[in-house]
Amino acid sequence: MPDIKVSIIVPCYNVEKLLPKCLDSLVNQTLTDIEIICVNDASPDNGIAILRDYEARYPNIRVIDLKKNVCLGGARNRGMEIAQGEYIAFVDSDDYVEPDMYEKLYARAQATGADVVACDYDAVDENYQFLYRDKVDRSHLCGEITDDNRDEFLVLIGSVWSKIYRQSFIESLGIKFPEKISYEDNCFVPSVGVHVKRFEYVPQCLYHYYQRVGSTTHQRNHPSILD
């Protein structure tokens, strides 16, 4: 396989109805030389059969089939362990992305040498209808992150999945996701952010975040909120 530009890690659990849309958006990326690492997190549904079908049809898809559930953080860690890309990215298996998302983020990374490159995202409902766009202008943070602007950067850096991260940078930090808890990205993103030396931002909505009514993130009294 040629040198891999971006490794896209997709943790999969109990989303068989939504998984094909996610995978279709990844296998049709305009950026060549990417790998898509799908981690089946001991899912009780038919997700592994869908993953094996895509793996058979697309040579750049790699499937990890876990026998014990380790939650999002653990699944992402397993993907990171085998990722070979210059940059790594994370996509949740109920979300989907624009066809040119990784081409645009990688091009900006190549032009600037950034540790992290981010874009905007929007939220869609269960019928893929637009809910809102999370439009936080991060343009003024582009370039070197210093003691003078790091506090604001940490506040505005955003979610784990609307970005690419230079893999050698992540490996040098030795940072992993916490496992078997919810809200694991609330640990990973700021832990990476305190070390970022150069950040870049593409002010376009390239990631689509699926929101389901009644999900854990919408239940303020759910036990996982303690995580």
C-alpha atoms as a PDB file:
ATOM      1  CA  MET A   1       0.000   0.000   0.000  1.00  0.00           C
ATOM      2  CA  PRO A   2       1.347   3.509  -0.780  1.00  0.00           C
ATOM      3  CA  ASP A   3       2.230   5.860   2.048  1.00  0.00           C
ATOM      4  CA  ILE A   4      -0.959   6.557   3.975  1.00  0.00           C
ATOM      5  CA  LYS A   5      -1.868  10.205   4.378  1.00  0.00           C
ATOM      6  CA  VAL A   6      -4.733   9.860   6.883  1.00  0.00           C
ATOM      7  CA  SER A   7      -5.883   6.951   9.052  1.00  0.00           C
ATOM      8  CA  ILE A   8      -9.588   7.317   9.863  1.00  0.00           C
ATOM      9  CA  ILE A   9     -10.632   5.395  12.990  1.00  0.00           C
ATOM     10  CA  VAL A  10     -14.308   4.420  13.291  1.00  0.00           C
ATOM     11  CA  PRO A  11     -15.545   2.770  16.531  1.00  0.00           C
ATOM     12  CA  CYS A  12     -18.703   0.761  15.799  1.00  0.00           C
ATOM     13  CA  TYR A  13     -21.346  -0.272  18.292  1.00  0.00           C
ATOM     14  CA  ASN A  14     -25.036  -1.010  17.718  1.00  0.00           C
ATOM     15  CA  VAL A  15     -25.518   1.261  14.702  1.00  0.00           C
ATOM     16  CA  GLU A  16     -26.115  -1.198  11.865  1.00  0.00           C
ATOM     17  CA  LYS A  17     -28.847   0.954  10.291  1.00  0.00           C
ATOM     18  CA  LEU A  18     -26.616   4.038  10.226  1.00  0.00           C
ATOM     19  CA  LEU A  19     -23.269   2.398   9.493  1.00  0.00           C
ATOM     20  CA  PRO A  20     -23.530   2.200   5.663  1.00  0.00           C
ATOM     21  CA  LYS A  21     -24.063   5.959   5.335  1.00  0.00           C
ATOM     22  CA  CYS A  22     -21.002   6.599   7.447  1.00  0.00           C
ATOM     23  CA  LEU A  23     -18.847   4.126   5.532  1.00  0.00           C
ATOM     24  CA  ASP A  24     -20.058   5.355   2.146  1.00  0.00           C
ATOM     25  CA  SER A  25     -18.963   8.871   3.045  1.00  0.00           C
ATOM     26  CA  LEU A  26     -15.481   7.555   3.875  1.00  0.00           C
ATOM     27  CA  VAL A  27     -14.837   5.191   0.969  1.00  0.00           C
ATOM     28  CA  ASN A  28     -15.795   8.009  -1.415  1.00  0.00           C
ATOM     29  CA  GLN A  29     -13.262  10.510  -0.093  1.00  0.00           C
ATOM     30  CA  THR A  30     -11.474  12.556  -2.739  1.00  0.00           C
ATOM     31  CA  LEU A  31      -8.198  12.192  -0.835  1.00  0.00           C
ATOM     32  CA  THR A  32      -6.313   9.114  -2.003  1.00  0.00           C
ATOM     33  CA  ASP A  33      -4.030   6.953   0.136  1.00  0.00           C
ATOM     34  CA  ILE A  34      -6.217   6.857   3.230  1.00  0.00           C
ATOM     35  CA  GLU A  35      -7.010   3.894   5.439  1.00  0.00           C
ATOM     36  CA  ILE A  36     -10.292   3.345   7.264  1.00  0.00           C
ATOM     37  CA  ILE A  37      -9.923   1.374  10.487  1.00  0.00           C
ATOM     38  CA  CYS A  38     -13.292   0.101  11.722  1.00  0.00           C
ATOM     39  CA  VAL A  39     -13.343  -1.256  15.273  1.00  0.00           C
ATOM     40  CA  ASN A  40     -16.323  -3.472  16.057  1.00  0.00           C
ATOM     41  CA  ASP A  41     -16.695  -2.964  19.819  1.00  0.00           C
ATOM     42  CA  ALA A  42     -18.289  -6.353  20.596  1.00  0.00           C
ATOM     43  CA  SER A  43     -21.503  -4.987  19.085  1.00  0.00           C
ATOM     44  CA  PRO A  44     -24.624  -7.153  19.596  1.00  0.00           C
ATOM     45  CA  ASP A  45     -26.152  -6.203  16.222  1.00  0.00           C
ATOM     46  CA  ASN A  46     -25.281  -7.171  12.668  1.00  0.00           C
ATOM     47  CA  GLY A  47     -22.607  -4.503  12.370  1.00  0.00           C
ATOM     48  CA  ILE A  48     -19.708  -6.915  11.956  1.00  0.00           C
ATOM     49  CA  ALA A  49     -21.328  -8.453   8.848  1.00  0.00           C
ATOM     50  CA  ILE A  50     -21.647  -4.971   7.320  1.00  0.00           C
ATOM     51  CA  LEU A  51     -18.027  -4.209   8.159  1.00  0.00           C
ATOM     52  CA  ARG A  52     -16.799  -7.480   6.642  1.00  0.00           C
ATOM     53  CA  ASP A  53     -18.770  -6.748   3.466  1.00  0.00           C
ATOM     54  CA  TYR A  54     -17.140  -3.327   3.086  1.00  0.00           C
ATOM     55  CA  GLU A  55     -13.741  -4.781   3.959  1.00  0.00           C
ATOM     56  CA  ALA A  56     -14.115  -7.319   1.147  1.00  0.00           C
ATOM     57  CA  ARG A  57     -15.055  -4.612  -1.359  1.00  0.00           C
ATOM     58  CA  TYR A  58     -12.620  -1.860  -0.387  1.00  0.00           C
ATOM     59  CA  PRO A  59      -8.910  -2.650   0.091  1.00  0.00           C
ATOM     60  CA  ASN A  60      -8.306   0.391   2.288  1.00  0.00           C
ATOM     61  CA  ILE A  61     -10.750  -0.772   4.987  1.00  0.00           C
ATOM     62  CA  ARG A  62      -9.335  -2.692   7.946  1.00  0.00           C
ATOM     63  CA  VAL A  63     -11.646  -4.294  10.515  1.00  0.00           C
ATOM     64  CA  ILE A  64     -10.813  -5.026  14.144  1.00  0.00           C
ATOM     65  CA  ASP A  65     -13.382  -7.322  15.773  1.00  0.00           C
ATOM     66  CA  LEU A  66     -13.235  -6.955  19.560  1.00  0.00           C
ATOM     67  CA  LYS A  67     -14.793  -9.687  21.690  1.00  0.00           C
ATOM     68  CA  LYS A  68     -15.158  -7.518  24.797  1.00  0.00           C
ATOM     69  CA  ASN A  69     -16.749  -4.087  24.860  1.00  0.00           C
ATOM     70  CA  VAL A  70     -14.290  -1.313  25.715  1.00  0.00           C
ATOM     71  CA  CYS A  71     -16.495   1.693  24.850  1.00  0.00           C
ATOM     72  CA  LEU A  72     -15.560   4.493  22.467  1.00  0.00           C
ATOM     73  CA  GLY A  73     -12.262   5.308  24.127  1.00  0.00           C
ATOM     74  CA  GLY A  74     -11.001   1.745  24.081  1.00  0.00           C
ATOM     75  CA  ALA A  75     -12.099   1.191  20.490  1.00  0.00           C
ATOM     76  CA  ARG A  76     -10.305   4.350  19.373  1.00  0.00           C
ATOM     77  CA  ASN A  77      -7.171   3.246  21.221  1.00  0.00           C
ATOM     78  CA  ARG A  78      -7.197  -0.104  19.405  1.00  0.00           C
ATOM     79  CA  GLY A  79      -7.447   1.733  16.109  1.00  0.00           C
ATOM     80  CA  MET A  80      -4.603   4.062  17.028  1.00  0.00           C
ATOM     81  CA  GLU A  81      -2.386   1.059  17.794  1.00  0.00           C
ATOM     82  CA  ILE A  82      -2.416  -0.103  14.169  1.00  0.00           C
ATOM     83  CA  ALA A  83      -2.848   3.231  12.354  1.00  0.00           C
ATOM     84  CA  GLN A  84      -0.151   3.857   9.746  1.00  0.00           C
ATOM     85  CA  GLY A  85      -1.165   7.307   8.507  1.00  0.00           C
ATOM     86  CA  GLU A  86       0.805  10.521   8.662  1.00  0.00           C
ATOM     87  CA  TYR A  87      -2.317  11.981  10.288  1.00  0.00           C
ATOM     88  CA  ILE A  88      -5.107  10.284  12.214  1.00  0.00           C
ATOM     89  CA  ALA A  89      -8.794  11.177  12.413  1.00  0.00           C
ATOM     90  CA  PHE A  90     -11.842   9.921  14.284  1.00  0.00           C
ATOM     91  CA  VAL A  91     -15.371   9.464  12.952  1.00  0.00           C
ATOM     92  CA  ASP A  92     -18.304   8.162  14.997  1.00  0.00           C
ATOM     93  CA  SER A  93     -20.138   5.404  13.147  1.00  0.00           C
ATOM     94  CA  ASP A  94     -23.507   7.196  13.183  1.00  0.00           C
ATOM     95  CA  ASP A  95     -22.018  10.351  11.651  1.00  0.00           C
ATOM     96  CA  TYR A  96     -20.882  11.088   8.099  1.00  0.00           C
ATOM     97  CA  VAL A  97     -18.559  13.522   6.357  1.00  0.00           C
ATOM     98  CA  GLU A  98     -18.294  15.536   3.171  1.00  0.00           C
ATOM     99  CA  PRO A  99     -16.436  13.814   0.287  1.00  0.00           C
ATOM    100  CA  ASP A 100     -13.593  16.338   0.348  1.00  0.00           C
ATOM    101  CA  MET A 101     -13.217  16.697   4.121  1.00  0.00           C
ATOM    102  CA  TYR A 102      -9.892  14.931   4.456  1.00  0.00           C
ATOM    103  CA  GLU A 103      -8.477  16.338   1.233  1.00  0.00           C
ATOM    104  CA  LYS A 104      -9.043  19.854   2.554  1.00  0.00           C
ATOM    105  CA  LEU A 105      -7.750  19.200   6.059  1.00  0.00           C
ATOM    106  CA  TYR A 106      -4.700  17.304   4.817  1.00  0.00           C
ATOM    107  CA  ALA A 107      -3.861  20.001   2.270  1.00  0.00           C
ATOM    108  CA  ARG A 108      -3.901  22.612   5.028  1.00  0.00           C
ATOM    109  CA  ALA A 109      -1.758  20.383   7.225  1.00  0.00           C
ATOM    110  CA  GLN A 110       0.773  19.878   4.441  1.00  0.00           C
ATOM    111  CA  ALA A 111       0.954  23.585   3.693  1.00  0.00           C
ATOM    112  CA  THR A 112       1.515  24.581   7.324  1.00  0.00           C
ATOM    113  CA  GLY A 113       2.979  21.616   9.214  1.00  0.00           C
ATOM    114  CA  ALA A 114       0.200  21.895  11.798  1.00  0.00           C
ATOM    115  CA  ASP A 115      -0.136  19.445  14.660  1.00  0.00           C
ATOM    116  CA  VAL A 116      -3.944  19.679  14.451  1.00  0.00           C
ATOM    117  CA  VAL A 117      -6.279  20.919  11.697  1.00  0.00           C
ATOM    118  CA  ALA A 118      -9.991  21.449  12.420  1.00  0.00           C
ATOM    119  CA  CYS A 119     -13.165  22.251  10.491  1.00  0.00           C
ATOM    120  CA  ASP A 120     -16.754  23.198  11.301  1.00  0.00           C
ATOM    121  CA  TYR A 121     -19.599  20.710  11.750  1.00  0.00           C
ATOM    122  CA  ASP A 122     -23.363  20.673  11.825  1.00  0.00           C
ATOM    123  CA  ALA A 123     -25.885  18.500  13.651  1.00  0.00           C
ATOM    124  CA  VAL A 124     -28.627  16.465  11.950  1.00  0.00           C
ATOM    125  CA  ASP A 125     -31.615  14.639  13.379  1.00  0.00           C
ATOM    126  CA  GLU A 126     -32.740  11.020  12.925  1.00  0.00           C
ATOM    127  CA  ASN A 127     -34.033  11.877   9.443  1.00  0.00           C
ATOM    128  CA  TYR A 128     -30.775  13.625   8.531  1.00  0.00           C
ATOM    129  CA  GLN A 129     -32.493  16.980   8.661  1.00  0.00           C
ATOM    130  CA  PHE A 130     -30.399  19.978   9.638  1.00  0.00           C
ATOM    131  CA  LEU A 131     -30.623  20.997  13.306  1.00  0.00           C
ATOM    132  CA  TYR A 132     -27.901  23.582  13.807  1.00  0.00           C
ATOM    133  CA  ARG A 133     -24.390  24.476  12.791  1.00  0.00           C
ATOM    134  CA  ASP A 134     -21.681  24.796  15.375  1.00  0.00           C
ATOM    135  CA  LYS A 135     -19.980  27.836  13.885  1.00  0.00           C
ATOM    136  CA  VAL A 136     -17.193  29.001  16.154  1.00  0.00           C
ATOM    137  CA  ASP A 137     -14.702  31.109  14.242  1.00  0.00           C
ATOM    138  CA  ARG A 138     -11.245  29.776  15.093  1.00  0.00           C
ATOM    139  CA  SER A 139      -9.445  31.658  12.324  1.00  0.00           C
ATOM    140  CA  HIS A 140      -7.676  33.995  14.737  1.00  0.00           C
ATOM    141  CA  LEU A 141      -6.083  30.960  16.413  1.00  0.00           C
ATOM    142  CA  CYS A 142      -4.399  29.721  13.246  1.00  0.00           C
ATOM    143  CA  GLY A 143      -0.644  29.501  13.516  1.00  0.00           C
ATOM    144  CA  GLU A 144       1.493  29.172  16.614  1.00  0.00           C
ATOM    145  CA  ILE A 145      -0.223  28.386  19.911  1.00  0.00           C
ATOM    146  CA  THR A 146       1.587  30.113  22.769  1.00  0.00           C
ATOM    147  CA  ASP A 147       1.043  30.907  26.426  1.00  0.00           C
ATOM    148  CA  ASP A 148      -0.741  34.046  25.287  1.00  0.00           C
ATOM    149  CA  ASN A 149      -3.536  32.305  23.369  1.00  0.00           C
ATOM    150  CA  ARG A 150      -3.569  28.733  24.729  1.00  0.00           C
ATOM    151  CA  ASP A 151      -6.356  29.357  27.239  1.00  0.00           C
ATOM    152  CA  GLU A 152      -8.692  30.535  24.483  1.00  0.00           C
ATOM    153  CA  PHE A 153      -7.518  27.714  22.228  1.00  0.00           C
ATOM    154  CA  LEU A 154      -8.432  25.096  24.842  1.00  0.00           C
ATOM    155  CA  VAL A 155     -11.908  26.595  25.177  1.00  0.00           C
ATOM    156  CA  LEU A 156     -12.517  26.715  21.420  1.00  0.00           C
ATOM    157  CA  ILE A 157     -10.719  23.582  20.196  1.00  0.00           C
ATOM    158  CA  GLY A 158     -13.994  21.617  20.037  1.00  0.00           C
ATOM    159  CA  SER A 159     -14.822  17.941  19.526  1.00  0.00           C
ATOM    160  CA  VAL A 160     -12.434  15.095  18.748  1.00  0.00           C
ATOM    161  CA  TRP A 161     -13.949  14.137  15.399  1.00  0.00           C
ATOM    162  CA  SER A 162     -13.842  17.412  13.439  1.00  0.00           C
ATOM    163  CA  LYS A 163     -10.053  17.287  13.102  1.00  0.00           C
ATOM    164  CA  ILE A 164      -6.950  15.520  11.918  1.00  0.00           C
ATOM    165  CA  TYR A 165      -3.961  15.028  14.208  1.00  0.00           C
ATOM    166  CA  ARG A 166      -0.346  14.487  13.167  1.00  0.00           C
ATOM    167  CA  GLN A 167       0.323  10.954  14.321  1.00  0.00           C
ATOM    168  CA  SER A 168       3.970  11.457  15.278  1.00  0.00           C
ATOM    169  CA  PHE A 169       2.824  14.322  17.520  1.00  0.00           C
ATOM    170  CA  ILE A 170       0.194  12.166  19.269  1.00  0.00           C
ATOM    171  CA  GLU A 171       2.664   9.298  19.681  1.00  0.00           C
ATOM    172  CA  SER A 172       5.264  11.618  21.198  1.00  0.00           C
ATOM    173  CA  LEU A 173       2.749  12.606  23.878  1.00  0.00           C
ATOM    174  CA  GLY A 174       1.742   9.037  24.710  1.00  0.00           C
ATOM    175  CA  ILE A 175      -1.849  10.178  25.224  1.00  0.00           C
ATOM    176  CA  LYS A 176      -4.672   7.636  24.963  1.00  0.00           C
ATOM    177  CA  PHE A 177      -8.415   7.778  25.488  1.00  0.00           C
ATOM    178  CA  PRO A 178      -9.755   6.662  28.882  1.00  0.00           C
ATOM    179  CA  GLU A 179     -11.543   3.337  28.460  1.00  0.00           C
ATOM    180  CA  LYS A 180     -14.913   1.988  29.565  1.00  0.00           C
ATOM    181  CA  ILE A 181     -16.359   5.405  30.377  1.00  0.00           C
ATOM    182  CA  SER A 182     -18.491   7.967  28.559  1.00  0.00           C
ATOM    183  CA  TYR A 183     -17.299  11.453  27.500  1.00  0.00           C
ATOM    184  CA  GLU A 184     -13.809  10.079  26.891  1.00  0.00           C
ATOM    185  CA  ASP A 185     -13.061  12.837  24.381  1.00  0.00           C
ATOM    186  CA  ASN A 186     -13.418  15.432  27.158  1.00  0.00           C
ATOM    187  CA  CYS A 187     -10.135  14.030  28.431  1.00  0.00           C
ATOM    188  CA  PHE A 188      -8.311  13.390  25.156  1.00  0.00           C
ATOM    189  CA  VAL A 189      -8.898  16.688  23.355  1.00  0.00           C
ATOM    190  CA  PRO A 190      -7.670  19.111  26.071  1.00  0.00           C
ATOM    191  CA  SER A 191      -4.821  16.735  26.999  1.00  0.00           C
ATOM    192  CA  VAL A 192      -3.620  17.023  23.404  1.00  0.00           C
ATOM    193  CA  GLY A 193      -4.470  20.723  23.262  1.00  0.00           C
ATOM    194  CA  VAL A 194      -2.091  21.752  26.026  1.00  0.00           C
ATOM    195  CA  HIS A 195       0.810  20.514  23.866  1.00  0.00           C
ATOM    196  CA  VAL A 196      -0.236  21.788  20.423  1.00  0.00           C
ATOM    197  CA  LYS A 197       2.404  24.065  18.900  1.00  0.00           C
ATOM    198  CA  ARG A 198       0.682  24.870  15.614  1.00  0.00           C
ATOM    199  CA  PHE A 199      -3.045  24.799  14.828  1.00  0.00           C
ATOM    200  CA  GLU A 200      -4.911  25.378  11.584  1.00  0.00           C
ATOM    201  CA  TYR A 201      -8.594  25.739  10.754  1.00  0.00           C
ATOM    202  CA  VAL A 202     -10.696  25.246   7.614  1.00  0.00           C
ATOM    203  CA  PRO A 203     -13.846  27.403   8.054  1.00  0.00           C
ATOM    204  CA  GLN A 204     -16.175  25.026   6.220  1.00  0.00           C
ATOM    205  CA  CYS A 205     -18.838  22.613   7.479  1.00  0.00           C
ATOM    206  CA  LEU A 206     -17.365  19.225   6.539  1.00  0.00           C
ATOM    207  CA  TYR A 207     -18.551  16.920   9.345  1.00  0.00           C
ATOM    208  CA  HIS A 208     -22.167  15.933  10.077  1.00  0.00           C
ATOM    209  CA  TYR A 209     -22.990  14.978  13.657  1.00  0.00           C
ATOM    210  CA  TYR A 210     -25.995  12.673  14.084  1.00  0.00           C
ATOM    211  CA  GLN A 211     -28.159  13.435  17.120  1.00  0.00           C
ATOM    212  CA  ARG A 212     -30.711  10.964  18.404  1.00  0.00           C
ATOM    213  CA  VAL A 213     -33.510  12.073  20.710  1.00  0.00           C
ATOM    214  CA  GLY A 214     -33.162  10.282  24.052  1.00  0.00           C
ATOM    215  CA  SER A 215     -29.448   9.538  23.665  1.00  0.00           C
ATOM    216  CA  THR A 216     -27.183   9.581  26.717  1.00  0.00           C
ATOM    217  CA  THR A 217     -25.786  12.997  25.878  1.00  0.00           C
ATOM    218  CA  HIS A 218     -29.283  14.461  26.171  1.00  0.00           C
ATOM    219  CA  GLN A 219     -30.109  12.897  29.562  1.00  0.00           C
ATOM    220  CA  ARG A 220     -28.759  15.122  32.304  1.00  0.00           C
ATOM    221  CA  ASN A 221     -29.652  12.620  35.023  1.00  0.00           C
ATOM    222  CA  HIS A 222     -28.038   9.633  33.278  1.00  0.00           C
ATOM    223  CA  PRO A 223     -25.379   7.876  35.442  1.00  0.00           C
ATOM    224  CA  SER A 224     -22.765   8.266  32.715  1.00  0.00           C
ATOM    225  CA  ILE A 225     -22.841  12.038  33.250  1.00  0.00           C
ATOM    226  CA  LEU A 226     -20.644  11.355  36.266  1.00  0.00           C
ATOM    227  CA  ASP A 227     -17.915  10.191  33.879  1.00  0.00           C
END
